Amino acid sequence: MAIWDGRRPDSDDEAIEIFGELAERYLENDEVPAAPKITRFVDALVARWGDLDDTGDAPWATGGTGDASGPVLNVNIRYGDDRVDEVSASVAELAEEHGLVCYDLQQERLRP
């Protein structure tokens, strides 16, 4: 799931375009420190679900819940986790609570 700080796109097509630009700028190049809103969001995710680095029961595919750089975060939910629907809904809700955009890369749609 792609999470970022910025204006909510008007459509799913616009969202994937924006995420692509953000990923190229921030995730595919030298990392920059995560923006404060992203850091607070990650802290909330870890408080709710744990961190793979701390517990094998966390639903994340990578430690720290994913890749964060600047205003963007790619949240990697573990493939085959039986809680995937619950976790993805929680990620989307927390993103909204933190004023962040959430785009579900698997479903190819903005959430919530």
PDB file of N, CA and C in Angstrom:
ATOM      1  N   MET A   1       0.844  -1.163   0.000  1.00  0.00           N
ATOM      2  CA  MET A   1       0.000   0.000   0.000  1.00  0.00           C
ATOM      3  C   MET A   1       0.892   1.230   0.000  1.00  0.00           C
ATOM      4  N   ALA A   2       0.534   2.192  -0.808  1.00  0.00           N
ATOM      5  CA  ALA A   2       1.298   3.430  -0.928  1.00  0.00           C
ATOM      6  C   ALA A   2       0.637   4.508  -0.074  1.00  0.00           C
ATOM      7  N   ILE A   3       1.425   5.125   0.771  1.00  0.00           N
ATOM      8  CA  ILE A   3       0.950   6.183   1.655  1.00  0.00           C
ATOM      9  C   ILE A   3       1.807   7.413   1.386  1.00  0.00           C
ATOM     10  N   TRP A   4       1.164   8.586   1.262  1.00  0.00           N
ATOM     11  CA  TRP A   4       1.966   9.795   1.103  1.00  0.00           C
ATOM     12  C   TRP A   4       1.247  11.010   1.642  1.00  0.00           C
ATOM     13  N   ASP A   5       2.062  12.016   1.906  1.00  0.00           N
ATOM     14  CA  ASP A   5       1.571  13.301   2.383  1.00  0.00           C
ATOM     15  C   ASP A   5       1.410  14.212   1.174  1.00  0.00           C
ATOM     16  N   GLY A   6       0.189  14.654   0.952  1.00  0.00           N
ATOM     17  CA  GLY A   6      -0.082  15.534  -0.178  1.00  0.00           C
ATOM     18  C   GLY A   6      -1.569  15.629  -0.438  1.00  0.00           C
ATOM     19  N   ARG A   7      -1.900  16.333  -1.492  1.00  0.00           N
ATOM     20  CA  ARG A   7      -3.300  16.492  -1.893  1.00  0.00           C
ATOM     21  C   ARG A   7      -3.852  15.143  -2.337  1.00  0.00           C
ATOM     22  N   ARG A   8      -5.093  14.866  -1.922  1.00  0.00           N
ATOM     23  CA  ARG A   8      -5.740  13.622  -2.353  1.00  0.00           C
ATOM     24  C   ARG A   8      -6.069  13.727  -3.845  1.00  0.00           C
ATOM     25  N   PRO A   9      -5.622  12.771  -4.644  1.00  0.00           N
ATOM     26  CA  PRO A   9      -5.910  12.786  -6.081  1.00  0.00           C
ATOM     27  C   PRO A   9      -7.407  12.676  -6.349  1.00  0.00           C
ATOM     28  N   ASP A  10      -7.806  13.154  -7.514  1.00  0.00           N
ATOM     29  CA  ASP A  10      -9.213  13.107  -7.905  1.00  0.00           C
ATOM     30  C   ASP A  10      -9.638  11.745  -8.440  1.00  0.00           C
ATOM     31  N   SER A  11      -8.676  10.895  -8.802  1.00  0.00           N
ATOM     32  CA  SER A  11      -9.014   9.594  -9.385  1.00  0.00           C
ATOM     33  C   SER A  11      -7.920   8.579  -9.067  1.00  0.00           C
ATOM     34  N   ASP A  12      -8.252   7.303  -9.271  1.00  0.00           N
ATOM     35  CA  ASP A  12      -7.268   6.241  -9.089  1.00  0.00           C
ATOM     36  C   ASP A  12      -6.119   6.382 -10.085  1.00  0.00           C
ATOM     37  N   ASP A  13      -6.435   6.775 -11.318  1.00  0.00           N
ATOM     38  CA  ASP A  13      -5.392   6.958 -12.333  1.00  0.00           C
ATOM     39  C   ASP A  13      -4.410   8.051 -11.926  1.00  0.00           C
ATOM     40  N   GLU A  14      -4.949   9.151 -11.409  1.00  0.00           N
ATOM     41  CA  GLU A  14      -4.077  10.233 -10.954  1.00  0.00           C
ATOM     42  C   GLU A  14      -3.244   9.774  -9.758  1.00  0.00           C
ATOM     43  N   ALA A  15      -3.832   8.969  -8.890  1.00  0.00           N
ATOM     44  CA  ALA A  15      -3.119   8.486  -7.705  1.00  0.00           C
ATOM     45  C   ALA A  15      -1.910   7.645  -8.087  1.00  0.00           C
ATOM     46  N   ILE A  16      -2.073   6.718  -9.021  1.00  0.00           N
ATOM     47  CA  ILE A  16      -0.946   5.872  -9.398  1.00  0.00           C
ATOM     48  C   ILE A  16       0.134   6.687 -10.100  1.00  0.00           C
ATOM     49  N   GLU A  17      -0.259   7.711 -10.827  1.00  0.00           N
ATOM     50  CA  GLU A  17       0.712   8.593 -11.474  1.00  0.00           C
ATOM     51  C   GLU A  17       1.517   9.363 -10.422  1.00  0.00           C
ATOM     52  N   ILE A  18       0.823   9.909  -9.429  1.00  0.00           N
ATOM     53  CA  ILE A  18       1.502  10.647  -8.360  1.00  0.00           C
ATOM     54  C   ILE A  18       2.426   9.718  -7.585  1.00  0.00           C
ATOM     55  N   PHE A  19       1.933   8.525  -7.239  1.00  0.00           N
ATOM     56  CA  PHE A  19       2.781   7.589  -6.505  1.00  0.00           C
ATOM     57  C   PHE A  19       4.017   7.225  -7.322  1.00  0.00           C
ATOM     58  N   GLY A  20       3.858   7.006  -8.611  1.00  0.00           N
ATOM     59  CA  GLY A  20       5.002   6.692  -9.455  1.00  0.00           C
ATOM     60  C   GLY A  20       6.063   7.777  -9.412  1.00  0.00           C
ATOM     61  N   GLU A  21       5.621   9.026  -9.466  1.00  0.00           N
ATOM     62  CA  GLU A  21       6.553  10.153  -9.393  1.00  0.00           C
ATOM     63  C   GLU A  21       7.236  10.206  -8.030  1.00  0.00           C
ATOM     64  N   LEU A  22       6.460  10.006  -6.965  1.00  0.00           N
ATOM     65  CA  LEU A  22       7.031  10.023  -5.617  1.00  0.00           C
ATOM     66  C   LEU A  22       7.999   8.864  -5.415  1.00  0.00           C
ATOM     67  N   ALA A  23       7.632   7.686  -5.896  1.00  0.00           N
ATOM     68  CA  ALA A  23       8.497   6.519  -5.754  1.00  0.00           C
ATOM     69  C   ALA A  23       9.817   6.737  -6.480  1.00  0.00           C
ATOM     70  N   GLU A  24       9.742   7.267  -7.693  1.00  0.00           N
ATOM     71  CA  GLU A  24      10.967   7.524  -8.454  1.00  0.00           C
ATOM     72  C   GLU A  24      11.848   8.546  -7.744  1.00  0.00           C
ATOM     73  N   ARG A  25      11.227   9.566  -7.223  1.00  0.00           N
ATOM     74  CA  ARG A  25      11.989  10.640  -6.576  1.00  0.00           C
ATOM     75  C   ARG A  25      12.542  10.232  -5.215  1.00  0.00           C
ATOM     76  N   TYR A  26      11.739   9.502  -4.424  1.00  0.00           N
ATOM     77  CA  TYR A  26      12.128   9.236  -3.039  1.00  0.00           C
ATOM     78  C   TYR A  26      12.497   7.788  -2.735  1.00  0.00           C
ATOM     79  N   LEU A  27      11.839   6.820  -3.340  1.00  0.00           N
ATOM     80  CA  LEU A  27      12.071   5.429  -2.970  1.00  0.00           C
ATOM     81  C   LEU A  27      13.133   4.754  -3.816  1.00  0.00           C
ATOM     82  N   GLU A  28      13.326   5.213  -5.045  1.00  0.00           N
ATOM     83  CA  GLU A  28      14.285   4.565  -5.939  1.00  0.00           C
ATOM     84  C   GLU A  28      15.647   5.242  -5.928  1.00  0.00           C
ATOM     85  N   ASN A  29      15.781   6.315  -5.211  1.00  0.00           N
ATOM     86  CA  ASN A  29      17.045   7.041  -5.120  1.00  0.00           C
ATOM     87  C   ASN A  29      17.511   7.044  -3.676  1.00  0.00           C
ATOM     88  N   ASP A  30      18.490   7.866  -3.378  1.00  0.00           N
ATOM     89  CA  ASP A  30      18.974   7.949  -2.007  1.00  0.00           C
ATOM     90  C   ASP A  30      17.827   8.311  -1.079  1.00  0.00           C
ATOM     91  N   GLU A  31      17.719   7.551   0.003  1.00  0.00           N
ATOM     92  CA  GLU A  31      16.659   7.823   0.960  1.00  0.00           C
ATOM     93  C   GLU A  31      16.903   9.150   1.664  1.00  0.00           C
ATOM     94  N   VAL A  32      15.819   9.812   1.957  1.00  0.00           N
ATOM     95  CA  VAL A  32      15.856  10.997   2.803  1.00  0.00           C
ATOM     96  C   VAL A  32      15.035  10.658   4.038  1.00  0.00           C
ATOM     97  N   PRO A  33      15.269  11.342   5.137  1.00  0.00           N
ATOM     98  CA  PRO A  33      14.497  11.036   6.339  1.00  0.00           C
ATOM     99  C   PRO A  33      12.994  11.152   6.071  1.00  0.00           C
ATOM    100  N   ALA A  34      12.244  10.267   6.687  1.00  0.00           N
ATOM    101  CA  ALA A  34      10.788  10.296   6.531  1.00  0.00           C
ATOM    102  C   ALA A  34      10.237  11.600   7.087  1.00  0.00           C
ATOM    103  N   ALA A  35       9.233  12.133   6.405  1.00  0.00           N
ATOM    104  CA  ALA A  35       8.560  13.350   6.862  1.00  0.00           C
ATOM    105  C   ALA A  35       7.890  13.073   8.209  1.00  0.00           C
ATOM    106  N   PRO A  36       7.733  14.100   9.039  1.00  0.00           N
ATOM    107  CA  PRO A  36       7.135  13.903  10.366  1.00  0.00           C
ATOM    108  C   PRO A  36       5.773  13.200  10.342  1.00  0.00           C
ATOM    109  N   LYS A  37       4.904  13.542   9.395  1.00  0.00           N
ATOM    110  CA  LYS A  37       3.591  12.880   9.337  1.00  0.00           C
ATOM    111  C   LYS A  37       3.737  11.392   9.025  1.00  0.00           C
ATOM    112  N   ILE A  38       4.696  11.049   8.189  1.00  0.00           N
ATOM    113  CA  ILE A  38       4.942   9.642   7.858  1.00  0.00           C
ATOM    114  C   ILE A  38       5.484   8.915   9.086  1.00  0.00           C
ATOM    115  N   THR A  39       6.400   9.543   9.795  1.00  0.00           N
ATOM    116  CA  THR A  39       6.960   8.941  11.007  1.00  0.00           C
ATOM    117  C   THR A  39       5.871   8.681  12.041  1.00  0.00           C
ATOM    118  N   ARG A  40       4.993   9.650  12.247  1.00  0.00           N
ATOM    119  CA  ARG A  40       3.891   9.460  13.208  1.00  0.00           C
ATOM    120  C   ARG A  40       2.961   8.335  12.755  1.00  0.00           C
ATOM    121  N   PHE A  41       2.710   8.253  11.465  1.00  0.00           N
ATOM    122  CA  PHE A  41       1.872   7.189  10.917  1.00  0.00           C
ATOM    123  C   PHE A  41       2.515   5.820  11.162  1.00  0.00           C
ATOM    124  N   VAL A  42       3.799   5.687  10.870  1.00  0.00           N
ATOM    125  CA  VAL A  42       4.505   4.420  11.099  1.00  0.00           C
ATOM    126  C   VAL A  42       4.455   4.056  12.576  1.00  0.00           C
ATOM    127  N   ASP A  43       4.658   5.037  13.446  1.00  0.00           N
ATOM    128  CA  ASP A  43       4.576   4.777  14.886  1.00  0.00           C
ATOM    129  C   ASP A  43       3.204   4.234  15.271  1.00  0.00           C
ATOM    130  N   ALA A  44       2.151   4.785  14.668  1.00  0.00           N
ATOM    131  CA  ALA A  44       0.786   4.318  14.951  1.00  0.00           C
ATOM    132  C   ALA A  44       0.582   2.894  14.433  1.00  0.00           C
ATOM    133  N   LEU A  45       1.119   2.589  13.254  1.00  0.00           N
ATOM    134  CA  LEU A  45       1.017   1.226  12.725  1.00  0.00           C
ATOM    135  C   LEU A  45       1.725   0.227  13.634  1.00  0.00           C
ATOM    136  N   VAL A  46       2.921   0.578  14.061  1.00  0.00           N
ATOM    137  CA  VAL A  46       3.692  -0.314  14.928  1.00  0.00           C
ATOM    138  C   VAL A  46       2.989  -0.476  16.275  1.00  0.00           C
ATOM    139  N   ALA A  47       2.411   0.600  16.797  1.00  0.00           N
ATOM    140  CA  ALA A  47       1.679   0.501  18.062  1.00  0.00           C
ATOM    141  C   ALA A  47       0.483  -0.442  17.925  1.00  0.00           C
ATOM    142  N   ARG A  48      -0.156  -0.424  16.775  1.00  0.00           N
ATOM    143  CA  ARG A  48      -1.347  -1.260  16.548  1.00  0.00           C
ATOM    144  C   ARG A  48      -0.994  -2.703  16.210  1.00  0.00           C
ATOM    145  N   TRP A  49       0.009  -2.913  15.337  1.00  0.00           N
ATOM    146  CA  TRP A  49       0.273  -4.238  14.789  1.00  0.00           C
ATOM    147  C   TRP A  49       1.633  -4.828  15.153  1.00  0.00           C
ATOM    148  N   GLY A  50       2.507  -4.049  15.767  1.00  0.00           N
ATOM    149  CA  GLY A  50       3.848  -4.526  16.061  1.00  0.00           C
ATOM    150  C   GLY A  50       4.766  -4.340  14.859  1.00  0.00           C
ATOM    151  N   ASP A  51       6.039  -4.599  15.089  1.00  0.00           N
ATOM    152  CA  ASP A  51       7.052  -4.465  14.047  1.00  0.00           C
ATOM    153  C   ASP A  51       7.686  -5.828  13.821  1.00  0.00           C
ATOM    154  N   LEU A  52       7.876  -6.189  12.581  1.00  0.00           N
ATOM    155  CA  LEU A  52       8.476  -7.473  12.242  1.00  0.00           C
ATOM    156  C   LEU A  52       9.844  -7.634  12.902  1.00  0.00           C
ATOM    157  N   ASP A  53      10.549  -6.524  13.103  1.00  0.00           N
ATOM    158  CA  ASP A  53      11.853  -6.581  13.758  1.00  0.00           C
ATOM    159  C   ASP A  53      11.729  -7.012  15.214  1.00  0.00           C
ATOM    160  N   ASP A  54      10.545  -6.803  15.820  1.00  0.00           N
ATOM    161  CA  ASP A  54      10.338  -7.105  17.234  1.00  0.00           C
ATOM    162  C   ASP A  54       9.543  -8.383  17.471  1.00  0.00           C
ATOM    163  N   THR A  55       8.670  -8.732  16.543  1.00  0.00           N
ATOM    164  CA  THR A  55       7.807  -9.895  16.724  1.00  0.00           C
ATOM    165  C   THR A  55       7.551 -10.576  15.385  1.00  0.00           C
ATOM    166  N   GLY A  56       7.612 -11.871  15.364  1.00  0.00           N
ATOM    167  CA  GLY A  56       7.341 -12.615  14.138  1.00  0.00           C
ATOM    168  C   GLY A  56       5.867 -12.636  13.775  1.00  0.00           C
ATOM    169  N   ASP A  57       5.021 -12.122  14.662  1.00  0.00           N
ATOM    170  CA  ASP A  57       3.576 -12.134  14.435  1.00  0.00           C
ATOM    171  C   ASP A  57       3.082 -10.898  13.692  1.00  0.00           C
ATOM    172  N   ALA A  58       3.938  -9.918  13.495  1.00  0.00           N
ATOM    173  CA  ALA A  58       3.525  -8.696  12.798  1.00  0.00           C
ATOM    174  C   ALA A  58       3.180  -9.035  11.345  1.00  0.00           C
ATOM    175  N   PRO A  59       2.215  -8.333  10.754  1.00  0.00           N
ATOM    176  CA  PRO A  59       1.750  -8.672   9.406  1.00  0.00           C
ATOM    177  C   PRO A  59       2.603  -8.116   8.267  1.00  0.00           C
ATOM    178  N   TRP A  60       3.761  -7.565   8.573  1.00  0.00           N
ATOM    179  CA  TRP A  60       4.556  -6.876   7.557  1.00  0.00           C
ATOM    180  C   TRP A  60       5.521  -7.821   6.863  1.00  0.00           C
ATOM    181  N   ALA A  61       5.759  -7.566   5.604  1.00  0.00           N
ATOM    182  CA  ALA A  61       6.721  -8.349   4.827  1.00  0.00           C
ATOM    183  C   ALA A  61       8.149  -7.902   5.105  1.00  0.00           C
ATOM    184  N   THR A  62       8.306  -6.657   5.553  1.00  0.00           N
ATOM    185  CA  THR A  62       9.625  -6.114   5.870  1.00  0.00           C
ATOM    186  C   THR A  62       9.569  -5.410   7.209  1.00  0.00           C
ATOM    187  N   GLY A  63      10.699  -5.359   7.905  1.00  0.00           N
ATOM    188  CA  GLY A  63      10.763  -4.663   9.181  1.00  0.00           C
ATOM    189  C   GLY A  63      10.518  -3.182   9.011  1.00  0.00           C
ATOM    190  N   GLY A  64      10.042  -2.551  10.057  1.00  0.00           N
ATOM    191  CA  GLY A  64       9.739  -1.130   9.998  1.00  0.00           C
ATOM    192  C   GLY A  64       8.486  -0.842   9.202  1.00  0.00           C
ATOM    193  N   THR A  65       7.739  -1.857   8.867  1.00  0.00           N
ATOM    194  CA  THR A  65       6.489  -1.831   8.107  1.00  0.00           C
ATOM    195  C   THR A  65       6.672  -1.536   6.629  1.00  0.00           C
ATOM    196  N   GLY A  66       7.823  -1.117   6.190  1.00  0.00           N
ATOM    197  CA  GLY A  66       7.998  -0.834   4.763  1.00  0.00           C
ATOM    198  C   GLY A  66       9.100   0.165   4.521  1.00  0.00           C
ATOM    199  N   ASP A  67       9.098   0.719   3.336  1.00  0.00           N
ATOM    200  CA  ASP A  67      10.107   1.689   2.935  1.00  0.00           C
ATOM    201  C   ASP A  67       9.535   3.091   3.055  1.00  0.00           C
ATOM    202  N   ALA A  68      10.185   3.922   3.855  1.00  0.00           N
ATOM    203  CA  ALA A  68       9.763   5.314   4.007  1.00  0.00           C
ATOM    204  C   ALA A  68      10.907   6.220   3.586  1.00  0.00           C
ATOM    205  N   SER A  69      10.561   7.257   2.848  1.00  0.00           N
ATOM    206  CA  SER A  69      11.543   8.247   2.433  1.00  0.00           C
ATOM    207  C   SER A  69      10.799   9.535   2.120  1.00  0.00           C
ATOM    208  N   GLY A  70      11.179  10.606   2.797  1.00  0.00           N
ATOM    209  CA  GLY A  70      10.497  11.878   2.575  1.00  0.00           C
ATOM    210  C   GLY A  70       9.016  11.756   2.882  1.00  0.00           C
ATOM    211  N   PRO A  71       8.161  12.182   1.954  1.00  0.00           N
ATOM    212  CA  PRO A  71       6.722  12.197   2.207  1.00  0.00           C
ATOM    213  C   PRO A  71       5.999  10.919   1.791  1.00  0.00           C
ATOM    214  N   VAL A  72       6.737   9.845   1.503  1.00  0.00           N
ATOM    215  CA  VAL A  72       6.096   8.638   0.963  1.00  0.00           C
ATOM    216  C   VAL A  72       6.549   7.385   1.716  1.00  0.00           C
ATOM    217  N   LEU A  73       5.621   6.446   1.791  1.00  0.00           N
ATOM    218  CA  LEU A  73       5.872   5.166   2.450  1.00  0.00           C
ATOM    219  C   LEU A  73       5.204   4.073   1.640  1.00  0.00           C
ATOM    220  N   ASN A  74       5.923   2.994   1.422  1.00  0.00           N
ATOM    221  CA  ASN A  74       5.349   1.815   0.786  1.00  0.00           C
ATOM    222  C   ASN A  74       5.185   0.768   1.879  1.00  0.00           C
ATOM    223  N   VAL A  75       3.948   0.497   2.291  1.00  0.00           N
ATOM    224  CA  VAL A  75       3.658  -0.470   3.350  1.00  0.00           C
ATOM    225  C   VAL A  75       3.546  -1.852   2.718  1.00  0.00           C
ATOM    226  N   ASN A  76       4.353  -2.773   3.198  1.00  0.00           N
ATOM    227  CA  ASN A  76       4.397  -4.123   2.641  1.00  0.00           C
ATOM    228  C   ASN A  76       3.742  -5.112   3.594  1.00  0.00           C
ATOM    229  N   ILE A  77       2.504  -5.496   3.283  1.00  0.00           N
ATOM    230  CA  ILE A  77       1.797  -6.485   4.090  1.00  0.00           C
ATOM    231  C   ILE A  77       2.225  -7.870   3.613  1.00  0.00           C
ATOM    232  N   ARG A  78       2.503  -8.744   4.559  1.00  0.00           N
ATOM    233  CA  ARG A  78       2.994 -10.085   4.243  1.00  0.00           C
ATOM    234  C   ARG A  78       1.979 -10.860   3.400  1.00  0.00           C
ATOM    235  N   TYR A  79       2.434 -11.382   2.286  1.00  0.00           N
ATOM    236  CA  TYR A  79       1.591 -12.170   1.386  1.00  0.00           C
ATOM    237  C   TYR A  79       1.104 -13.410   2.128  1.00  0.00           C
ATOM    238  N   GLY A  80      -0.189 -13.680   2.016  1.00  0.00           N
ATOM    239  CA  GLY A  80      -0.758 -14.868   2.626  1.00  0.00           C
ATOM    240  C   GLY A  80      -1.154 -14.712   4.083  1.00  0.00           C
ATOM    241  N   ASP A  81      -0.902 -13.546   4.675  1.00  0.00           N
ATOM    242  CA  ASP A  81      -1.321 -13.322   6.062  1.00  0.00           C
ATOM    243  C   ASP A  81      -2.845 -13.363   6.106  1.00  0.00           C
ATOM    244  N   ASP A  82      -3.409 -14.157   7.004  1.00  0.00           N
ATOM    245  CA  ASP A  82      -4.865 -14.311   7.050  1.00  0.00           C
ATOM    246  C   ASP A  82      -5.585 -13.062   7.539  1.00  0.00           C
ATOM    247  N   ARG A  83      -4.827 -12.071   7.973  1.00  0.00           N
ATOM    248  CA  ARG A  83      -5.418 -10.805   8.430  1.00  0.00           C
ATOM    249  C   ARG A  83      -5.305  -9.698   7.392  1.00  0.00           C
ATOM    250  N   VAL A  84      -4.974 -10.032   6.155  1.00  0.00           N
ATOM    251  CA  VAL A  84      -4.667  -9.012   5.150  1.00  0.00           C
ATOM    252  C   VAL A  84      -5.799  -8.001   4.982  1.00  0.00           C
ATOM    253  N   ASP A  85      -7.049  -8.446   4.967  1.00  0.00           N
ATOM    254  CA  ASP A  85      -8.162  -7.502   4.810  1.00  0.00           C
ATOM    255  C   ASP A  85      -8.266  -6.566   6.006  1.00  0.00           C
ATOM    256  N   GLU A  86      -8.128  -7.136   7.201  1.00  0.00           N
ATOM    257  CA  GLU A  86      -8.187  -6.326   8.423  1.00  0.00           C
ATOM    258  C   GLU A  86      -7.020  -5.345   8.483  1.00  0.00           C
ATOM    259  N   VAL A  87      -5.832  -5.820   8.147  1.00  0.00           N
ATOM    260  CA  VAL A  87      -4.643  -4.970   8.194  1.00  0.00           C
ATOM    261  C   VAL A  87      -4.738  -3.858   7.155  1.00  0.00           C
ATOM    262  N   SER A  88      -5.133  -4.185   5.931  1.00  0.00           N
ATOM    263  CA  SER A  88      -5.207  -3.151   4.893  1.00  0.00           C
ATOM    264  C   SER A  88      -6.268  -2.109   5.240  1.00  0.00           C
ATOM    265  N   ALA A  89      -7.382  -2.531   5.822  1.00  0.00           N
ATOM    266  CA  ALA A  89      -8.405  -1.572   6.255  1.00  0.00           C
ATOM    267  C   ALA A  89      -7.859  -0.674   7.356  1.00  0.00           C
ATOM    268  N   SER A  90      -7.099  -1.260   8.274  1.00  0.00           N
ATOM    269  CA  SER A  90      -6.499  -0.485   9.359  1.00  0.00           C
ATOM    270  C   SER A  90      -5.482   0.519   8.825  1.00  0.00           C
ATOM    271  N   VAL A  91      -4.670   0.096   7.870  1.00  0.00           N
ATOM    272  CA  VAL A  91      -3.685   1.000   7.255  1.00  0.00           C
ATOM    273  C   VAL A  91      -4.406   2.186   6.623  1.00  0.00           C
ATOM    274  N   ALA A  92      -5.470   1.909   5.873  1.00  0.00           N
ATOM    275  CA  ALA A  92      -6.228   2.974   5.206  1.00  0.00           C
ATOM    276  C   ALA A  92      -6.864   3.927   6.220  1.00  0.00           C
ATOM    277  N   GLU A  93      -7.443   3.382   7.281  1.00  0.00           N
ATOM    278  CA  GLU A  93      -8.074   4.219   8.312  1.00  0.00           C
ATOM    279  C   GLU A  93      -7.050   5.088   9.025  1.00  0.00           C
ATOM    280  N   LEU A  94      -5.916   4.486   9.391  1.00  0.00           N
ATOM    281  CA  LEU A  94      -4.871   5.260  10.066  1.00  0.00           C
ATOM    282  C   LEU A  94      -4.312   6.351   9.156  1.00  0.00           C
ATOM    283  N   ALA A  95      -4.172   6.044   7.876  1.00  0.00           N
ATOM    284  CA  ALA A  95      -3.692   7.058   6.930  1.00  0.00           C
ATOM    285  C   ALA A  95      -4.649   8.240   6.913  1.00  0.00           C
ATOM    286  N   GLU A  96      -5.936   7.954   6.839  1.00  0.00           N
ATOM    287  CA  GLU A  96      -6.931   9.030   6.829  1.00  0.00           C
ATOM    288  C   GLU A  96      -6.869   9.842   8.125  1.00  0.00           C
ATOM    289  N   GLU A  97      -6.744   9.159   9.263  1.00  0.00           N
ATOM    290  CA  GLU A  97      -6.648   9.848  10.556  1.00  0.00           C
ATOM    291  C   GLU A  97      -5.433  10.765  10.618  1.00  0.00           C
ATOM    292  N   HIS A  98      -4.370  10.400   9.925  1.00  0.00           N
ATOM    293  CA  HIS A  98      -3.135  11.188   9.935  1.00  0.00           C
ATOM    294  C   HIS A  98      -3.060  12.191   8.785  1.00  0.00           C
ATOM    295  N   GLY A  99      -4.143  12.321   8.029  1.00  0.00           N
ATOM    296  CA  GLY A  99      -4.170  13.285   6.932  1.00  0.00           C
ATOM    297  C   GLY A  99      -3.304  12.887   5.753  1.00  0.00           C
ATOM    298  N   LEU A 100      -3.162  11.582   5.528  1.00  0.00           N
ATOM    299  CA  LEU A 100      -2.324  11.067   4.454  1.00  0.00           C
ATOM    300  C   LEU A 100      -3.174  10.407   3.376  1.00  0.00           C
ATOM    301  N   VAL A 101      -2.639  10.339   2.185  1.00  0.00           N
ATOM    302  CA  VAL A 101      -3.287   9.658   1.068  1.00  0.00           C
ATOM    303  C   VAL A 101      -2.921   8.179   1.145  1.00  0.00           C
ATOM    304  N   CYS A 102      -3.886   7.308   0.860  1.00  0.00           N
ATOM    305  CA  CYS A 102      -3.645   5.865   0.830  1.00  0.00           C
ATOM    306  C   CYS A 102      -4.113   5.315  -0.510  1.00  0.00           C
ATOM    307  N   TYR A 103      -3.191   4.699  -1.239  1.00  0.00           N
ATOM    308  CA  TYR A 103      -3.510   4.053  -2.510  1.00  0.00           C
ATOM    309  C   TYR A 103      -3.150   2.581  -2.381  1.00  0.00           C
ATOM    310  N   ASP A 104      -4.127   1.718  -2.600  1.00  0.00           N
ATOM    311  CA  ASP A 104      -3.918   0.279  -2.511  1.00  0.00           C
ATOM    312  C   ASP A 104      -3.352  -0.215  -3.841  1.00  0.00           C
ATOM    313  N   LEU A 105      -2.093  -0.608  -3.834  1.00  0.00           N
ATOM    314  CA  LEU A 105      -1.415  -1.038  -5.056  1.00  0.00           C
ATOM    315  C   LEU A 105      -1.953  -2.367  -5.577  1.00  0.00           C
ATOM    316  N   GLN A 106      -2.472  -3.218  -4.699  1.00  0.00           N
ATOM    317  CA  GLN A 106      -3.030  -4.500  -5.132  1.00  0.00           C
ATOM    318  C   GLN A 106      -4.404  -4.325  -5.769  1.00  0.00           C
ATOM    319  N   GLN A 107      -5.233  -3.488  -5.152  1.00  0.00           N
ATOM    320  CA  GLN A 107      -6.585  -3.259  -5.659  1.00  0.00           C
ATOM    321  C   GLN A 107      -6.645  -2.129  -6.684  1.00  0.00           C
ATOM    322  N   GLU A 108      -5.531  -1.425  -6.841  1.00  0.00           N
ATOM    323  CA  GLU A 108      -5.409  -0.308  -7.782  1.00  0.00           C
ATOM    324  C   GLU A 108      -6.500   0.737  -7.569  1.00  0.00           C
ATOM    325  N   ARG A 109      -6.632   1.154  -6.276  1.00  0.00           N
ATOM    326  CA  ARG A 109      -7.642   2.167  -5.965  1.00  0.00           C
ATOM    327  C   ARG A 109      -7.251   2.943  -4.720  1.00  0.00           C
ATOM    328  N   LEU A 110      -7.775   4.166  -4.664  1.00  0.00           N
ATOM    329  CA  LEU A 110      -7.608   4.985  -3.475  1.00  0.00           C
ATOM    330  C   LEU A 110      -8.407   4.375  -2.337  1.00  0.00           C
ATOM    331  N   ARG A 111      -7.876   4.486  -1.135  1.00  0.00           N
ATOM    332  CA  ARG A 111      -8.584   4.034   0.047  1.00  0.00           C
ATOM    333  C   ARG A 111      -8.571   5.158   1.056  1.00  0.00           C
ATOM    334  N   PRO A 112      -9.446   5.270   1.972  1.00  0.00           N
ATOM    335  CA  PRO A 112     -10.750   4.604   2.024  1.00  0.00           C
ATOM    336  C   PRO A 112     -11.742   5.236   1.073  1.00  0.00           C
TER     337      PRO A 112
END
